[in-house]
Amino acid sequence: MQAVKDKLSEMSAMKQVKEEARAEEKAEKEIAKARADIAHEVRLAKEAEATMVHHVAKAGEIARAGEQMANEQLAKHGGSNATTGGRGGDVPNTAASNPLPTTNMSPPTYNKMS
């Protein structure tokens, strides 16, 4: 009879150990999934940032080209009005004196999560 009781308590203890192992494994899987989700979002954010930097730089180039073309047109047609922008009055043409800033940004770096 004692052997049966020992066997039942042993089986109960094994069942409890297995449940704890399953719970621990499930928690580890959830942590791994959360890390994967975070890495995915970080990657998407870096891609969006790189795209934004590209578009900002391209917009700056287009704006500079437009300013240059406008200045050339004003110089060609306006003669001495090139400094006033052909607008008359004393409003200076600040396009040439205030060029758009260039971006000296390096690409984002990858921060490996552990």
C-alpha atoms as a PDB file:
ATOM      1  CA  MET A   1       0.000   0.000   0.000  1.00  0.00           C
ATOM      2  CA  GLN A   2       2.847   2.360   0.841  1.00  0.00           C
ATOM      3  CA  ALA A   3       4.397   1.655  -2.563  1.00  0.00           C
ATOM      4  CA  VAL A   4       1.171   2.722  -4.291  1.00  0.00           C
ATOM      5  CA  LYS A   5       1.020   5.943  -2.261  1.00  0.00           C
ATOM      6  CA  ASP A   6       4.672   6.651  -3.081  1.00  0.00           C
ATOM      7  CA  LYS A   7       4.029   6.021  -6.750  1.00  0.00           C
ATOM      8  CA  LEU A   8       0.991   8.359  -6.758  1.00  0.00           C
ATOM      9  CA  SER A   9       2.909  11.145  -5.007  1.00  0.00           C
ATOM     10  CA  GLU A  10       5.799  10.630  -7.429  1.00  0.00           C
ATOM     11  CA  MET A  11       3.412  10.881 -10.394  1.00  0.00           C
ATOM     12  CA  SER A  12       1.870  14.021  -8.903  1.00  0.00           C
ATOM     13  CA  ALA A  13       5.306  15.587  -8.463  1.00  0.00           C
ATOM     14  CA  MET A  14       6.264  14.710 -12.063  1.00  0.00           C
ATOM     15  CA  LYS A  15       3.012  16.214 -13.322  1.00  0.00           C
ATOM     16  CA  GLN A  16       3.725  19.434 -11.444  1.00  0.00           C
ATOM     17  CA  VAL A  17       7.296  19.604 -12.793  1.00  0.00           C
ATOM     18  CA  LYS A  18       6.035  19.091 -16.355  1.00  0.00           C
ATOM     19  CA  GLU A  19       3.434  21.860 -15.932  1.00  0.00           C
ATOM     20  CA  GLU A  20       6.096  24.235 -14.642  1.00  0.00           C
ATOM     21  CA  ALA A  21       8.369  23.356 -17.572  1.00  0.00           C
ATOM     22  CA  ARG A  22       5.541  23.972 -20.039  1.00  0.00           C
ATOM     23  CA  ALA A  23       4.726  27.329 -18.425  1.00  0.00           C
ATOM     24  CA  GLU A  24       8.392  28.351 -18.554  1.00  0.00           C
ATOM     25  CA  GLU A  25       8.679  27.296 -22.185  1.00  0.00           C
ATOM     26  CA  LYS A  26       5.523  29.231 -23.045  1.00  0.00           C
ATOM     27  CA  ALA A  27       6.905  32.352 -21.337  1.00  0.00           C
ATOM     28  CA  GLU A  28      10.194  32.009 -23.246  1.00  0.00           C
ATOM     29  CA  LYS A  29       8.290  31.688 -26.525  1.00  0.00           C
ATOM     30  CA  GLU A  30       6.268  34.820 -25.732  1.00  0.00           C
ATOM     31  CA  ILE A  31       9.464  36.736 -24.930  1.00  0.00           C
ATOM     32  CA  ALA A  32      11.055  35.554 -28.184  1.00  0.00           C
ATOM     33  CA  LYS A  33       7.944  36.600 -30.129  1.00  0.00           C
ATOM     34  CA  ALA A  34       7.958  40.017 -28.467  1.00  0.00           C
ATOM     35  CA  ARG A  35      11.641  40.477 -29.376  1.00  0.00           C
ATOM     36  CA  ALA A  36      10.931  39.481 -32.971  1.00  0.00           C
ATOM     37  CA  ASP A  37       8.029  41.942 -33.128  1.00  0.00           C
ATOM     38  CA  ILE A  38      10.218  44.703 -31.706  1.00  0.00           C
ATOM     39  CA  ALA A  39      12.992  43.937 -34.208  1.00  0.00           C
ATOM     40  CA  HIS A  40      10.441  44.063 -37.034  1.00  0.00           C
ATOM     41  CA  GLU A  41       9.114  47.448 -35.920  1.00  0.00           C
ATOM     42  CA  VAL A  42      12.654  48.802 -35.525  1.00  0.00           C
ATOM     43  CA  ARG A  43      13.479  47.652 -39.054  1.00  0.00           C
ATOM     44  CA  LEU A  44      10.355  49.333 -40.425  1.00  0.00           C
ATOM     45  CA  ALA A  45      11.206  52.544 -38.564  1.00  0.00           C
ATOM     46  CA  LYS A  46      14.758  52.547 -39.941  1.00  0.00           C
ATOM     47  CA  GLU A  47      13.478  51.978 -43.459  1.00  0.00           C
ATOM     48  CA  ALA A  48      11.007  54.837 -43.050  1.00  0.00           C
ATOM     49  CA  GLU A  49      13.757  57.078 -41.693  1.00  0.00           C
ATOM     50  CA  ALA A  50      16.036  56.249 -44.610  1.00  0.00           C
ATOM     51  CA  THR A  51      13.219  56.946 -47.054  1.00  0.00           C
ATOM     52  CA  MET A  52      12.481  60.235 -45.337  1.00  0.00           C
ATOM     53  CA  VAL A  53      16.137  61.300 -45.493  1.00  0.00           C
ATOM     54  CA  HIS A  54      16.214  60.411 -49.189  1.00  0.00           C
ATOM     55  CA  HIS A  55      13.073  62.418 -49.948  1.00  0.00           C
ATOM     56  CA  VAL A  56      14.231  65.414 -47.911  1.00  0.00           C
ATOM     57  CA  ALA A  57      17.547  65.436 -49.771  1.00  0.00           C
ATOM     58  CA  LYS A  58      15.772  65.124 -53.113  1.00  0.00           C
ATOM     59  CA  ALA A  59      13.385  67.953 -52.211  1.00  0.00           C
ATOM     60  CA  GLY A  60      16.385  70.105 -51.279  1.00  0.00           C
ATOM     61  CA  GLU A  61      18.021  69.400 -54.636  1.00  0.00           C
ATOM     62  CA  ILE A  62      14.812  70.271 -56.482  1.00  0.00           C
ATOM     63  CA  ALA A  63      14.434  73.474 -54.470  1.00  0.00           C
ATOM     64  CA  ARG A  64      18.051  74.496 -55.121  1.00  0.00           C
ATOM     65  CA  ALA A  65      17.617  73.829 -58.843  1.00  0.00           C
ATOM     66  CA  GLY A  66      14.423  75.887 -58.850  1.00  0.00           C
ATOM     67  CA  GLU A  67      16.094  78.751 -57.005  1.00  0.00           C
ATOM     68  CA  GLN A  68      19.024  78.668 -59.397  1.00  0.00           C
ATOM     69  CA  MET A  69      16.722  78.673 -62.425  1.00  0.00           C
ATOM     70  CA  ALA A  70      14.708  81.541 -60.949  1.00  0.00           C
ATOM     71  CA  ASN A  71      17.862  83.548 -60.289  1.00  0.00           C
ATOM     72  CA  GLU A  72      19.082  82.907 -63.835  1.00  0.00           C
ATOM     73  CA  GLN A  73      15.720  84.005 -65.264  1.00  0.00           C
ATOM     74  CA  LEU A  74      15.736  87.124 -63.111  1.00  0.00           C
ATOM     75  CA  ALA A  75      19.277  87.967 -64.145  1.00  0.00           C
ATOM     76  CA  LYS A  76      18.439  87.403 -67.806  1.00  0.00           C
ATOM     77  CA  HIS A  77      15.214  89.402 -67.827  1.00  0.00           C
ATOM     78  CA  GLY A  78      15.653  91.784 -64.956  1.00  0.00           C
ATOM     79  CA  GLY A  79      19.122  93.150 -65.571  1.00  0.00           C
ATOM     80  CA  SER A  80      19.735  95.292 -62.516  1.00  0.00           C
ATOM     81  CA  ASN A  81      16.561  94.006 -60.851  1.00  0.00           C
ATOM     82  CA  ALA A  82      18.272  90.670 -60.186  1.00  0.00           C
ATOM     83  CA  THR A  83      19.133  91.812 -56.675  1.00  0.00           C
ATOM     84  CA  THR A  84      15.546  92.767 -55.908  1.00  0.00           C
ATOM     85  CA  GLY A  85      14.073  89.739 -57.553  1.00  0.00           C
ATOM     86  CA  GLY A  86      12.212  91.802 -60.144  1.00  0.00           C
ATOM     87  CA  ARG A  87       9.644  92.631 -57.491  1.00  0.00           C
ATOM     88  CA  GLY A  88      10.501  96.255 -57.260  1.00  0.00           C
ATOM     89  CA  GLY A  89      10.698  97.971 -53.927  1.00  0.00           C
ATOM     90  CA  ASP A  90      13.415  97.185 -51.437  1.00  0.00           C
ATOM     91  CA  VAL A  91      12.675  93.501 -50.838  1.00  0.00           C
ATOM     92  CA  PRO A  92      15.979  91.662 -51.396  1.00  0.00           C
ATOM     93  CA  ASN A  93      16.249  88.393 -53.284  1.00  0.00           C
ATOM     94  CA  THR A  94      17.431  86.084 -50.533  1.00  0.00           C
ATOM     95  CA  ALA A  95      17.342  82.868 -52.561  1.00  0.00           C
ATOM     96  CA  ALA A  96      21.022  83.030 -53.436  1.00  0.00           C
ATOM     97  CA  SER A  97      22.141  84.322 -50.043  1.00  0.00           C
ATOM     98  CA  ASN A  98      20.127  81.736 -48.069  1.00  0.00           C
ATOM     99  CA  PRO A  99      20.530  78.363 -49.771  1.00  0.00           C
ATOM    100  CA  LEU A 100      18.650  75.394 -48.388  1.00  0.00           C
ATOM    101  CA  PRO A 101      20.600  73.377 -45.826  1.00  0.00           C
ATOM    102  CA  THR A 102      22.115  70.131 -46.950  1.00  0.00           C
ATOM    103  CA  THR A 103      21.761  67.052 -44.835  1.00  0.00           C
ATOM    104  CA  ASN A 104      24.964  65.579 -43.548  1.00  0.00           C
ATOM    105  CA  MET A 105      23.211  62.680 -41.910  1.00  0.00           C
ATOM    106  CA  SER A 106      24.727  59.265 -41.910  1.00  0.00           C
ATOM    107  CA  PRO A 107      22.461  56.251 -42.324  1.00  0.00           C
ATOM    108  CA  PRO A 108      20.969  54.868 -39.129  1.00  0.00           C
ATOM    109  CA  THR A 109      22.967  52.248 -37.297  1.00  0.00           C
ATOM    110  CA  TYR A 110      21.641  48.883 -36.232  1.00  0.00           C
ATOM    111  CA  ASN A 111      21.418  48.375 -32.500  1.00  0.00           C
ATOM    112  CA  LYS A 112      21.351  44.603 -31.938  1.00  0.00           C
ATOM    113  CA  MET A 113      18.992  43.715 -29.140  1.00  0.00           C
ATOM    114  CA  SER A 114      19.973  40.886 -26.888  1.00  0.00           C
END
